[in-house]
């Protein structure tokens, strides 16, 4: 078999930056708290936990005093920063610059919508760390939509400003945007920038991977997509692979591989999400290459 790793897969800049900050900080101290999983990949979380990274939730944050807490790439709502000041917590802020810029845009748009009796709508997964940070900019008034049924929450007689979670599918964003347009017109509202303002705020490091993955999926007989099962980005990018190659398999690590997926003399492509570490994809590659002669069917 010929086994290759997609050179465009692996950590995006924001995740890589956050992990580097965590590792640098833990070189100077035995323990560092992290608000939520630093990345949606259990194996990487376990690796960093062994180095002293302690994952906490928001309730635990409110009980901490006089310590250091890492803010991961997903960003945080204003409430987290207020808690840190009140509890004398030093924040190691590894928020992705793309996310921070989006938070500012959402806050500015929200202030405008408040004046105009409009609504902020966010295309994303409710409860996702990044979405919590975004809705926090709107005093929790933003409407989060992902499925068609969520669109019923919007009042189409009032102005709508739409943003997207940075790691969502571009195709999904424009599909939701089109449906909102249609509902505004059905409510007999004139469609204009004043009534509907759609902002494609998807990170280009994410959206640019879609066409690259489409090509990679077509170039190989079998695709092993490596990702944590909690990764929204992983779920979206896996669907891109599956759309081009029906022999695409979603795995967390090499233990989930089934040898029945392969035949001899085939090309196997390994790729992953923006939250998938390169060391894990290399580990999968080594395992596939080490499959014993005779295990694979001709």
Protein backbone atom coordinates (compact mmCIF):
# COMPACT_ATOMS: atom_id res chain seq x y z
CA UNK A 1 0.00 0.00 0.00
CA UNK A 2 0.97 3.58 -0.55
CA UNK A 3 0.14 5.65 2.54
CA UNK A 4 0.29 9.46 2.61
CA UNK A 5 -0.72 12.26 4.97
CA UNK A 6 -2.48 15.35 3.63
CA UNK A 7 0.07 18.13 4.05
CA UNK A 8 -2.72 20.69 4.57
CA UNK A 9 -4.27 18.85 7.53
CA UNK A 10 -3.45 19.35 11.18
CA UNK A 11 -3.60 22.26 13.58
CA UNK A 12 -4.74 25.65 12.42
CA UNK A 13 -2.71 28.64 13.62
CA UNK A 14 -5.03 29.35 16.57
CA UNK A 15 -4.84 25.86 18.07
CA UNK A 16 -1.09 25.57 17.47
CA UNK A 17 -0.57 28.95 19.19
CA UNK A 18 -2.67 27.92 22.22
CA UNK A 19 -0.83 24.62 22.70
CA UNK A 20 2.55 26.35 22.40
CA UNK A 21 1.50 28.89 25.05
CA UNK A 22 0.36 26.10 27.36
CA UNK A 23 3.59 24.12 26.94
CA UNK A 24 5.75 27.22 27.45
CA UNK A 25 3.87 28.11 30.62
CA UNK A 26 4.10 24.56 32.02
CA UNK A 27 7.88 24.61 31.58
CA UNK A 28 7.93 27.27 34.30
CA UNK A 29 5.33 25.75 36.63
CA UNK A 30 4.06 22.29 37.52
CA UNK A 31 0.40 23.09 36.96
CA UNK A 32 -1.74 25.23 34.70
CA UNK A 33 -5.51 25.40 34.61
CA UNK A 34 -7.31 25.43 31.27
CA UNK A 35 -10.92 26.55 30.89
CA UNK A 36 -12.35 23.65 28.87
CA UNK A 37 -10.47 21.19 26.67
CA UNK A 38 -7.65 23.07 24.97
CA UNK A 39 -8.52 21.25 21.75
CA UNK A 40 -11.33 18.87 20.78
CA UNK A 41 -9.03 15.88 20.65
CA UNK A 42 -8.94 13.52 23.65
CA UNK A 43 -5.49 12.13 22.88
CA UNK A 44 -3.89 15.58 22.78
CA UNK A 45 -5.75 16.59 25.95
CA UNK A 46 -4.37 13.46 27.66
CA UNK A 47 -0.82 14.25 26.48
CA UNK A 48 -0.98 17.77 27.90
CA UNK A 49 -2.69 16.57 31.09
CA UNK A 50 0.35 14.38 31.76
CA UNK A 51 2.46 17.55 31.58
CA UNK A 52 0.31 19.33 34.19
CA UNK A 53 -2.57 20.94 32.30
CA UNK A 54 -5.73 20.72 34.42
CA UNK A 55 -9.04 21.14 32.60
CA UNK A 56 -11.74 23.03 34.53
CA UNK A 57 -15.24 24.26 33.75
CA UNK A 58 -16.79 27.69 34.38
CA UNK A 59 -18.22 26.69 37.75
CA UNK A 60 -14.77 25.62 38.93
CA UNK A 61 -13.28 28.86 37.60
CA UNK A 62 -15.48 30.88 39.95
CA UNK A 63 -14.04 28.94 42.90
CA UNK A 64 -10.36 29.46 42.00
CA UNK A 65 -8.19 32.20 43.48
CA UNK A 66 -4.66 33.50 42.92
CA UNK A 67 -3.66 31.16 40.08
CA UNK A 68 -3.08 31.03 36.32
CA UNK A 69 -5.75 29.97 33.82
CA UNK A 70 -5.32 29.46 30.10
CA UNK A 71 -7.97 30.83 27.73
CA UNK A 72 -7.99 28.49 24.72
CA UNK A 73 -8.25 29.48 21.06
CA UNK A 74 -12.07 29.43 21.08
CA UNK A 75 -12.17 32.67 23.08
CA UNK A 76 -14.33 33.58 26.08
CA UNK A 77 -17.26 35.88 26.91
CA UNK A 78 -16.76 39.10 28.94
CA UNK A 79 -18.04 37.33 32.07
CA UNK A 80 -14.89 35.16 32.21
CA UNK A 81 -12.63 38.21 32.29
CA UNK A 82 -14.72 39.80 35.05
CA UNK A 83 -14.43 36.62 37.14
CA UNK A 84 -10.66 36.60 36.66
CA UNK A 85 -10.34 40.18 37.92
CA UNK A 86 -12.57 39.49 40.95
CA UNK A 87 -10.64 36.32 41.89
CA UNK A 88 -7.13 37.62 41.18
CA UNK A 89 -6.63 35.05 38.41
CA UNK A 90 -3.90 35.64 35.86
CA UNK A 91 -5.22 34.75 32.41
CA UNK A 92 -2.89 33.28 29.83
CA UNK A 93 -4.97 34.43 26.87
CA UNK A 94 -4.49 32.21 23.81
CA UNK A 95 -7.69 33.34 22.08
CA UNK A 96 -7.33 33.00 18.32
CA UNK A 97 -6.90 36.45 16.67
CA UNK A 98 -9.57 35.50 14.12
CA UNK A 99 -12.03 34.74 16.92
CA UNK A 100 -11.17 37.94 18.81
CA UNK A 101 -11.79 40.00 15.67
CA UNK A 102 -15.15 38.27 15.20
CA UNK A 103 -16.12 38.94 18.82
CA UNK A 104 -15.46 42.65 18.22
CA UNK A 105 -17.54 42.60 15.01
CA UNK A 106 -20.42 40.86 16.79
CA UNK A 107 -20.32 43.37 19.67
CA UNK A 108 -20.33 46.34 17.26
CA UNK A 109 -23.18 44.83 15.23
CA UNK A 110 -25.14 44.06 18.40
CA UNK A 111 -24.93 47.67 19.59
CA UNK A 112 -26.26 48.76 16.19
CA UNK A 113 -29.05 46.18 16.22
CA UNK A 114 -30.10 47.29 19.70
CA UNK A 115 -30.58 50.81 18.40
CA UNK A 116 -32.54 49.54 15.39
CA UNK A 117 -34.55 46.87 17.23
CA UNK A 118 -32.83 44.20 15.16
CA UNK A 119 -31.43 40.75 15.89
CA UNK A 120 -28.01 39.11 15.86
CA UNK A 121 -28.12 35.57 14.47
CA UNK A 122 -25.14 33.22 14.73
CA UNK A 123 -24.81 30.14 12.53
CA UNK A 124 -23.12 27.67 14.83
CA UNK A 125 -23.50 24.93 17.40
CA UNK A 126 -25.32 26.01 20.55
CA UNK A 127 -23.11 25.42 23.59
CA UNK A 128 -19.88 25.32 21.53
CA UNK A 129 -17.08 27.18 23.29
CA UNK A 130 -16.63 29.73 20.50
CA UNK A 131 -20.38 30.34 20.26
CA UNK A 132 -20.56 30.95 24.02
CA UNK A 133 -17.90 33.62 23.57
CA UNK A 134 -19.83 35.21 20.70
CA UNK A 135 -23.24 35.22 22.39
CA UNK A 136 -21.54 36.77 25.42
CA UNK A 137 -20.90 39.88 23.30
CA UNK A 138 -24.68 40.28 22.92
CA UNK A 139 -25.79 39.91 26.55
CA UNK A 140 -26.95 36.40 25.51
CA UNK A 141 -29.54 37.91 23.14
CA UNK A 142 -28.05 36.40 19.96
CA UNK A 143 -30.10 33.71 18.25
CA UNK A 144 -28.05 30.56 17.51
CA UNK A 145 -29.15 28.58 14.46
CA UNK A 146 -27.86 25.43 12.82
CA UNK A 147 -30.86 23.39 11.69
CA UNK A 148 -33.83 24.57 9.63
CA UNK A 149 -36.06 24.26 12.71
CA UNK A 150 -33.90 26.88 14.48
CA UNK A 151 -34.95 29.48 11.92
CA UNK A 152 -38.38 29.70 13.59
CA UNK A 153 -36.71 31.61 16.44
CA UNK A 154 -36.11 34.64 14.18
CA UNK A 155 -38.61 37.51 13.80
CA UNK A 156 -38.51 38.23 10.06
CA UNK A 157 -40.29 41.55 10.41
CA UNK A 158 -37.22 42.96 12.18
CA UNK A 159 -33.66 43.54 10.85
CA UNK A 160 -31.30 40.55 10.97
CA UNK A 161 -27.49 40.53 11.07
CA UNK A 162 -25.99 37.08 10.50
CA UNK A 163 -22.53 35.81 11.49
CA UNK A 164 -20.99 32.34 11.50
CA UNK A 165 -18.94 30.35 13.96
CA UNK A 166 -15.47 30.41 12.39
CA UNK A 167 -15.20 26.63 11.98
CA UNK A 168 -18.53 25.95 10.28
CA UNK A 169 -19.02 24.78 6.70
CA UNK A 170 -19.08 27.52 4.05
CA UNK A 171 -21.73 25.60 2.13
CA UNK A 172 -23.89 25.35 5.26
CA UNK A 173 -23.55 29.07 5.98
CA UNK A 174 -24.70 30.14 2.54
CA UNK A 175 -27.58 27.64 2.62
CA UNK A 176 -28.82 29.11 5.94
CA UNK A 177 -28.31 32.64 4.61
CA UNK A 178 -30.45 31.86 1.56
CA UNK A 179 -33.24 30.46 3.73
CA UNK A 180 -33.24 33.57 5.92
CA UNK A 181 -33.49 35.74 2.79
CA UNK A 182 -36.48 33.74 1.58
CA UNK A 183 -38.26 34.07 4.92
CA UNK A 184 -37.66 37.82 5.02
CA UNK A 185 -39.22 38.12 1.57
CA UNK A 186 -42.10 35.86 2.61
CA UNK A 187 -42.74 38.28 5.49
CA UNK A 188 -43.16 40.97 2.80
CA UNK A 189 -40.04 42.76 3.87
CA UNK A 190 -37.89 44.46 1.26
CA UNK A 191 -34.58 42.62 1.03
CA UNK A 192 -31.77 45.13 1.59
CA UNK A 193 -28.66 45.58 3.71
CA UNK A 194 -30.84 47.32 6.30
CA UNK A 195 -33.16 44.31 6.67
CA UNK A 196 -30.57 41.55 6.25
CA UNK A 197 -26.78 41.74 6.58
CA UNK A 198 -25.02 38.37 6.12
CA UNK A 199 -21.37 38.19 7.22
CA UNK A 200 -19.31 35.19 6.12
CA UNK A 201 -17.06 35.02 9.19
CA UNK A 202 -15.73 31.51 8.57
CA UNK A 203 -11.97 31.25 9.03
CA UNK A 204 -10.26 30.90 5.66
CA UNK A 205 -7.78 28.43 7.16
CA UNK A 206 -10.86 26.24 7.60
CA UNK A 207 -12.83 27.02 4.44
CA UNK A 208 -9.75 26.69 2.20
CA UNK A 209 -9.30 23.13 3.43
CA UNK A 210 -12.55 22.02 1.83
CA UNK A 211 -11.39 22.14 -1.83
CA UNK A 212 -7.99 20.74 -0.80
CA UNK A 213 -9.67 17.81 0.96
CA UNK A 214 -11.93 17.19 -2.02
CA UNK A 215 -8.86 16.76 -4.24
CA UNK A 216 -7.06 14.62 -1.65
CA UNK A 217 -10.11 12.35 -1.26
CA UNK A 218 -10.30 11.75 -5.00
CA UNK A 219 -6.58 11.01 -5.25
CA UNK A 220 -6.78 8.08 -2.80
CA UNK A 221 -8.69 4.78 -2.74
CA UNK A 222 -9.31 4.92 1.02
CA UNK A 223 -9.47 7.93 3.34
CA UNK A 224 -8.78 7.74 7.08
CA UNK A 225 -10.08 10.96 8.62
CA UNK A 226 -8.55 11.39 12.08
CA UNK A 227 -10.39 13.63 14.51
CA UNK A 228 -11.84 13.89 17.98
CA UNK A 229 -15.53 13.05 17.99
CA UNK A 230 -16.33 16.34 19.78
CA UNK A 231 -14.81 18.46 17.00
CA UNK A 232 -17.40 20.43 15.00
CA UNK A 233 -14.75 21.20 12.42
CA UNK A 234 -13.89 17.50 12.21
CA UNK A 235 -17.49 16.50 11.55
CA UNK A 236 -17.81 19.12 8.80
CA UNK A 237 -14.53 18.24 7.05
CA UNK A 238 -15.23 14.52 7.24
CA UNK A 239 -18.44 15.11 5.28
CA UNK A 240 -16.34 16.84 2.61
CA UNK A 241 -14.22 13.67 2.28
CA UNK A 242 -17.23 11.39 2.31
CA UNK A 243 -18.88 13.44 -0.41
CA UNK A 244 -15.96 12.69 -2.75
CA UNK A 245 -14.99 9.21 -1.59
CA UNK A 246 -17.50 6.79 -0.06
CA UNK A 247 -14.60 4.76 1.38
CA UNK A 248 -13.84 7.50 3.92
CA UNK A 249 -13.69 6.47 7.58
CA UNK A 250 -13.83 8.68 10.67
CA UNK A 251 -11.44 7.47 13.40
CA UNK A 252 -10.05 8.92 16.63
CA UNK A 253 -6.88 6.83 16.49
CA UNK A 254 -5.37 3.69 14.96
CA UNK A 255 -7.22 1.33 17.33
CA UNK A 256 -10.45 2.01 15.41
CA UNK A 257 -9.04 0.85 12.08
CA UNK A 258 -10.61 -2.21 10.45
CA UNK A 259 -8.31 -4.10 8.08
CA UNK A 260 -11.33 -5.00 5.93
CA UNK A 261 -11.29 -1.39 4.73
CA UNK A 262 -8.13 -1.98 2.67
CA UNK A 263 -6.90 -4.05 -0.20
CA UNK A 264 -3.32 -4.56 -1.33
CA UNK A 265 -1.79 -2.09 -3.77
CA UNK A 266 -4.28 0.65 -2.84
CA UNK A 267 -3.55 4.26 -1.99
CA UNK A 268 -4.52 5.24 1.55
CA UNK A 269 -4.83 8.91 2.44
CA UNK A 270 -4.72 10.17 6.03
CA UNK A 271 -6.12 13.60 6.88
CA UNK A 272 -7.74 15.40 9.79
CA UNK A 273 -9.38 18.43 11.35
CA UNK A 274 -7.86 21.73 12.47
CA UNK A 275 -7.83 20.13 15.95
CA UNK A 276 -5.93 17.00 14.88
CA UNK A 277 -2.23 16.89 15.87
CA UNK A 278 0.26 15.86 13.20
CA UNK A 279 1.86 13.34 15.60
CA UNK A 280 -1.46 11.47 15.75
CA UNK A 281 -1.80 11.27 11.95
CA UNK A 282 1.79 10.05 11.75
CA UNK A 283 0.98 7.41 14.36
CA UNK A 284 -1.94 6.22 12.22
CA UNK A 285 0.30 6.15 9.15
CA UNK A 286 2.90 4.02 10.95
CA UNK A 287 0.21 1.57 12.03
CA UNK A 288 -1.26 1.18 8.53
CA UNK A 289 2.21 0.66 7.05
CA UNK A 290 2.96 -1.99 9.67
CA UNK A 291 -0.05 -4.17 8.90
CA UNK A 292 1.31 -7.67 8.44
CA UNK A 293 1.50 -9.37 5.08
CA UNK A 294 -1.49 -11.61 4.58
CA UNK A 295 -3.84 -9.55 6.76
CA UNK A 296 -5.02 -7.52 3.77
CA UNK A 297 -7.11 -9.11 1.06
CA UNK A 298 -5.80 -9.09 -2.50
